Amino acid sequence: MVDVSMAIDLQRPDSTTTANMTTTVPNTLTFTQELENSAICMTCGTQYAIPLSSAPKTCRICADPRQFIPGNGQTWSSYAQERNKHENHFTQDPHDKRDLVHQHRAKGMHALLSKNPISTAPLGISQRAILIRTPHGNILWDLLAWIDSKTKTWITSQGTLTAIIISHPHFYTTHALCSTLFPHVPIHTHARDTAWLNYPTTQPSRRSQARLTRSCRDS
C-alpha cells in the first residue's frame, strides 16, 4: 500500500523537460482487438467490456444524477476509432510547481477552449490527471479517457510509477487500458465504488481499497 502522505516530500520537477509538453507524434500503442474495439462513452469517457457494435443504449455513469446524458442522446466510439484524434498536454500545476498535470483536448482545439467541458465533449468530461513525484516513486492520481504512446513515454520518463489511484468513478474511464500498459503498477479504487467498474479485468494490478482512499481524504 502506498502512503500518500509522502507527497509532502515532493521533488520539484525540471521545468525545462516537463512543462508544456504536447503529444506531437503518431500514436503507436496497440492493444488486444477486444480492448481496441470496446465501446467508450463519448460523454464521460468510460470504457465498457462490450463491443462497439453492441454498445448499450445508456451509459451507467452518465445516467447517475451526478453526471448527465446529452440532450441528443448517448453516443459511443472505441479506442480504435479515436486513434490520433486527441492529444494530452503536460504542465506544472500553477499553484504548486511540484505537481505535474496532464489534460486532454481534441486535436486542433484552442487551448482556452480546452477548459470548457462542452468543448472537450468529443471524448470525456474534461478530466485531468496529476502525476505526483516523490523520492519513493511516483503516483498517478486519476486517469484520462485518452492515453497514447507519448503519454506513456512522458509518465515513465518522470521516474518510477509506483501506484495509480482513482478517486471516484468519473475517472475510471479507460482503466483497463492503463492496467495493460502498466501491468505491475497497482491501480487503487475505493471498495465501495467497485460496482461502478464497467470493464472487468484479470490484471492483478487493479485493487479495491477502502483504507487507502480514506487516508487520502483525511490527509
Protein backbone atom coordinates (compact mmCIF):
# COMPACT_ATOMS: atom_id res chain seq x y z
CA MET A 1 0.00 0.00 0.00
CA VAL A 2 1.29 3.44 -0.93
CA ASP A 3 1.48 6.06 1.80
CA VAL A 4 0.16 9.13 0.00
CA SER A 5 1.37 11.34 2.83
CA MET A 6 4.81 11.14 1.24
CA ALA A 7 3.51 13.67 -1.28
CA ILE A 8 4.68 16.21 1.30
CA ASP A 9 8.22 15.32 0.27
CA LEU A 10 7.65 16.04 -3.42
CA GLN A 11 10.67 16.86 -5.54
CA ARG A 12 10.46 19.90 -7.76
CA PRO A 13 10.41 18.72 -11.41
CA ASP A 14 12.76 20.10 -14.02
CA SER A 15 10.54 22.59 -15.83
CA THR A 16 12.76 22.51 -18.91
CA THR A 17 11.75 18.94 -19.62
CA THR A 18 8.25 18.61 -18.18
CA ALA A 19 6.32 21.83 -18.70
CA ASN A 20 4.07 22.40 -21.70
CA MET A 21 4.86 19.12 -23.44
CA THR A 22 2.28 18.01 -26.01
CA THR A 23 1.59 14.82 -27.94
CA THR A 24 3.01 15.62 -31.36
CA VAL A 25 3.93 12.14 -32.60
CA PRO A 26 1.60 9.48 -34.03
CA ASN A 27 0.11 7.08 -31.52
CA THR A 28 1.89 3.73 -31.76
CA LEU A 29 0.17 1.96 -28.88
CA THR A 30 -1.66 -1.23 -29.78
CA PHE A 31 -3.90 -3.33 -27.56
CA THR A 32 -5.84 -6.53 -27.99
CA GLN A 33 -8.64 -6.41 -30.52
CA GLU A 34 -11.13 -6.63 -27.66
CA LEU A 35 -9.72 -3.53 -25.93
CA GLU A 36 -9.30 -1.60 -29.17
CA ASN A 37 -12.92 -2.15 -30.18
CA SER A 38 -14.71 -1.95 -26.84
CA ALA A 39 -17.38 0.73 -26.51
CA ILE A 40 -16.31 4.07 -24.99
CA CYS A 41 -18.90 6.62 -23.91
CA MET A 42 -18.16 9.85 -25.76
CA THR A 43 -19.65 11.94 -22.96
CA CYS A 44 -17.76 10.68 -19.91
CA GLY A 45 -15.03 8.54 -21.47
CA THR A 46 -15.99 5.32 -19.68
CA GLN A 47 -14.94 2.15 -21.47
CA TYR A 48 -17.21 -0.89 -21.30
CA ALA A 49 -16.38 -4.57 -21.81
CA ILE A 50 -18.85 -4.57 -24.69
CA PRO A 51 -18.05 -4.39 -28.43
CA LEU A 52 -18.81 -1.04 -30.02
CA SER A 53 -21.19 -2.84 -32.36
CA SER A 54 -23.29 -3.80 -29.31
CA ALA A 55 -22.91 -0.59 -27.29
CA PRO A 56 -25.57 -0.09 -24.59
CA LYS A 57 -28.31 2.48 -25.08
CA THR A 58 -27.34 4.30 -21.89
CA CYS A 59 -24.06 4.78 -20.03
CA ARG A 60 -24.42 3.88 -16.33
CA ILE A 61 -22.07 6.67 -15.31
CA CYS A 62 -23.94 9.32 -17.32
CA ALA A 63 -27.33 8.08 -16.10
CA ASP A 64 -26.34 8.75 -12.50
CA PRO A 65 -27.71 12.09 -11.19
CA ARG A 66 -24.14 13.30 -10.59
CA GLN A 67 -23.44 13.17 -14.33
CA PHE A 68 -25.68 13.88 -17.34
CA ILE A 69 -26.98 12.37 -20.56
CA PRO A 70 -26.57 14.74 -23.53
CA GLY A 71 -29.74 16.20 -24.98
CA ASN A 72 -29.07 14.49 -28.31
CA GLY A 73 -28.65 11.11 -26.62
CA GLN A 74 -25.77 8.80 -25.81
CA THR A 75 -23.02 8.41 -28.39
CA TRP A 76 -20.27 5.81 -28.47
CA SER A 77 -16.88 5.22 -30.03
CA SER A 78 -13.86 2.98 -29.47
CA TYR A 79 -10.14 3.37 -28.92
CA ALA A 80 -9.53 2.23 -32.50
CA GLN A 81 -11.89 4.85 -33.92
CA GLU A 82 -10.44 7.66 -31.78
CA ARG A 83 -6.82 6.91 -32.63
CA ASN A 84 -4.79 10.05 -33.42
CA LYS A 85 -7.79 12.36 -32.90
CA HIS A 86 -6.75 13.52 -29.43
CA GLU A 87 -3.75 14.86 -27.56
CA ASN A 88 -2.67 15.21 -23.95
CA HIS A 89 -0.86 18.25 -22.59
CA PHE A 90 1.52 18.19 -19.66
CA THR A 91 2.08 21.22 -17.44
CA GLN A 92 3.10 22.15 -13.94
CA ASP A 93 0.30 22.96 -11.54
CA PRO A 94 0.07 26.79 -11.42
CA HIS A 95 -0.36 26.79 -7.64
CA ASP A 96 2.14 24.09 -6.73
CA LYS A 97 5.10 23.74 -9.08
CA ARG A 98 5.88 20.32 -7.67
CA ASP A 99 2.81 18.68 -9.21
CA LEU A 100 2.53 17.78 -12.89
CA VAL A 101 -0.88 17.84 -14.55
CA HIS A 102 -1.89 16.34 -17.85
CA GLN A 103 -5.09 17.35 -19.59
CA HIS A 104 -6.84 16.19 -22.73
CA ARG A 105 -8.30 18.04 -25.67
CA ALA A 106 -9.27 17.18 -29.21
CA LYS A 107 -6.56 17.94 -31.75
CA GLY A 108 -6.79 21.39 -33.26
CA MET A 109 -8.79 22.80 -30.35
CA HIS A 110 -7.69 26.16 -28.98
CA ALA A 111 -6.06 25.91 -25.55
CA LEU A 112 -8.50 28.38 -23.97
CA LEU A 113 -11.45 26.28 -25.08
CA SER A 114 -9.97 23.07 -23.74
CA LYS A 115 -11.00 24.02 -20.19
CA ASN A 116 -14.67 24.09 -21.15
CA PRO A 117 -16.35 20.67 -20.64
CA ILE A 118 -18.56 21.32 -23.67
CA SER A 119 -15.51 21.88 -25.85
CA THR A 120 -13.88 18.64 -24.74
CA ALA A 121 -17.05 16.62 -25.23
CA PRO A 122 -15.53 14.66 -28.17
CA LEU A 123 -14.07 12.30 -25.55
CA GLY A 124 -14.71 12.61 -21.82
CA ILE A 125 -15.71 15.39 -19.45
CA SER A 126 -12.50 17.39 -19.38
CA GLN A 127 -10.86 15.03 -16.93
CA ARG A 128 -7.39 15.80 -15.67
CA ALA A 129 -4.80 13.59 -14.02
CA ILE A 130 -1.99 14.54 -11.66
CA LEU A 131 1.41 12.91 -11.54
CA ILE A 132 2.83 13.32 -8.04
CA ARG A 133 6.61 12.90 -7.89
CA THR A 134 8.11 11.68 -4.63
CA PRO A 135 11.50 10.34 -3.54
CA HIS A 136 9.82 6.96 -3.05
CA GLY A 137 8.26 6.72 -6.50
CA ASN A 138 5.54 8.49 -8.44
CA ILE A 139 1.76 8.35 -8.00
CA LEU A 140 -0.69 8.96 -10.82
CA TRP A 141 -3.83 10.47 -9.31
CA ASP A 142 -6.89 9.86 -11.52
CA LEU A 143 -6.99 8.91 -15.20
CA LEU A 144 -7.87 10.45 -18.54
CA ALA A 145 -10.06 8.72 -21.10
CA TRP A 146 -7.36 9.06 -23.77
CA ILE A 147 -3.90 7.59 -23.49
CA ASP A 148 -1.32 7.27 -26.25
CA SER A 149 2.34 6.36 -26.72
CA LYS A 150 3.58 9.89 -25.98
CA THR A 151 1.60 9.97 -22.73
CA LYS A 152 3.05 6.64 -21.62
CA THR A 153 6.57 7.80 -22.54
CA TRP A 154 6.10 11.02 -20.59
CA ILE A 155 4.82 9.25 -17.49
CA THR A 156 7.69 6.77 -17.45
CA SER A 157 10.26 9.49 -18.15
CA GLN A 158 9.37 11.21 -14.86
CA GLY A 159 10.54 8.29 -12.75
CA THR A 160 9.21 5.00 -11.43
CA LEU A 161 5.43 4.83 -11.29
CA THR A 162 4.54 3.02 -8.07
CA ALA A 163 0.75 3.41 -7.93
CA ILE A 164 -2.32 4.69 -9.75
CA ILE A 165 -5.13 5.98 -7.52
CA ILE A 166 -8.58 6.70 -8.98
CA SER A 167 -10.59 8.97 -6.72
CA HIS A 168 -14.10 8.17 -7.97
CA PRO A 169 -16.00 6.57 -10.90
CA HIS A 170 -15.95 9.65 -13.16
CA PHE A 171 -12.23 8.95 -13.58
CA TYR A 172 -12.44 5.18 -14.15
CA THR A 173 -12.55 5.91 -17.91
CA THR A 174 -10.17 3.52 -19.74
CA HIS A 175 -8.55 1.98 -16.66
CA ALA A 176 -8.41 -1.42 -18.40
CA LEU A 177 -6.05 0.08 -20.99
CA CYS A 178 -3.87 1.51 -18.23
CA SER A 179 -3.70 -1.80 -16.40
CA THR A 180 -2.36 -3.30 -19.63
CA LEU A 181 0.19 -0.51 -20.15
CA PHE A 182 1.43 -0.68 -16.56
CA PRO A 183 0.80 -4.33 -15.59
CA HIS A 184 2.96 -4.21 -12.46
CA VAL A 185 1.58 -0.92 -11.12
CA PRO A 186 -1.34 -1.31 -8.67
CA ILE A 187 -4.48 0.61 -9.56
CA HIS A 188 -6.32 1.54 -6.37
CA THR A 189 -10.05 2.25 -6.28
CA HIS A 190 -12.41 2.58 -3.33
CA ALA A 191 -14.07 -0.70 -2.35
CA ARG A 192 -17.47 1.00 -2.12
CA ASP A 193 -17.23 2.02 -5.78
CA THR A 194 -16.49 -1.47 -7.11
CA ALA A 195 -19.98 -1.74 -8.60
CA TRP A 196 -19.16 1.16 -10.94
CA LEU A 197 -16.25 -0.63 -12.62
CA ASN A 198 -17.51 -1.31 -16.13
CA TYR A 199 -14.58 -3.29 -17.51
CA PRO A 200 -13.70 -6.48 -15.61
CA THR A 201 -10.03 -7.31 -15.95
CA THR A 202 -7.88 -10.23 -14.89
CA GLN A 203 -4.89 -7.95 -14.44
CA PRO A 204 -3.61 -8.39 -10.87
CA SER A 205 -2.77 -4.68 -10.71
CA ARG A 206 -6.32 -3.48 -10.03
CA ARG A 207 -7.16 -3.41 -6.34
CA SER A 208 -10.13 -2.10 -4.39
CA GLN A 209 -9.05 -0.38 -1.21
CA ALA A 210 -11.09 1.34 1.45
CA ARG A 211 -8.33 2.38 3.86
CA LEU A 212 -6.14 3.96 1.21
CA THR A 213 -8.78 6.31 -0.14
CA ARG A 214 -9.97 7.29 3.31
CA SER A 215 -6.40 8.15 4.28
CA CYS A 216 -6.14 10.33 1.16
CA ARG A 217 -9.25 12.26 2.08
CA ASP A 218 -8.20 12.64 5.69
CA SER A 219 -4.70 13.87 4.86
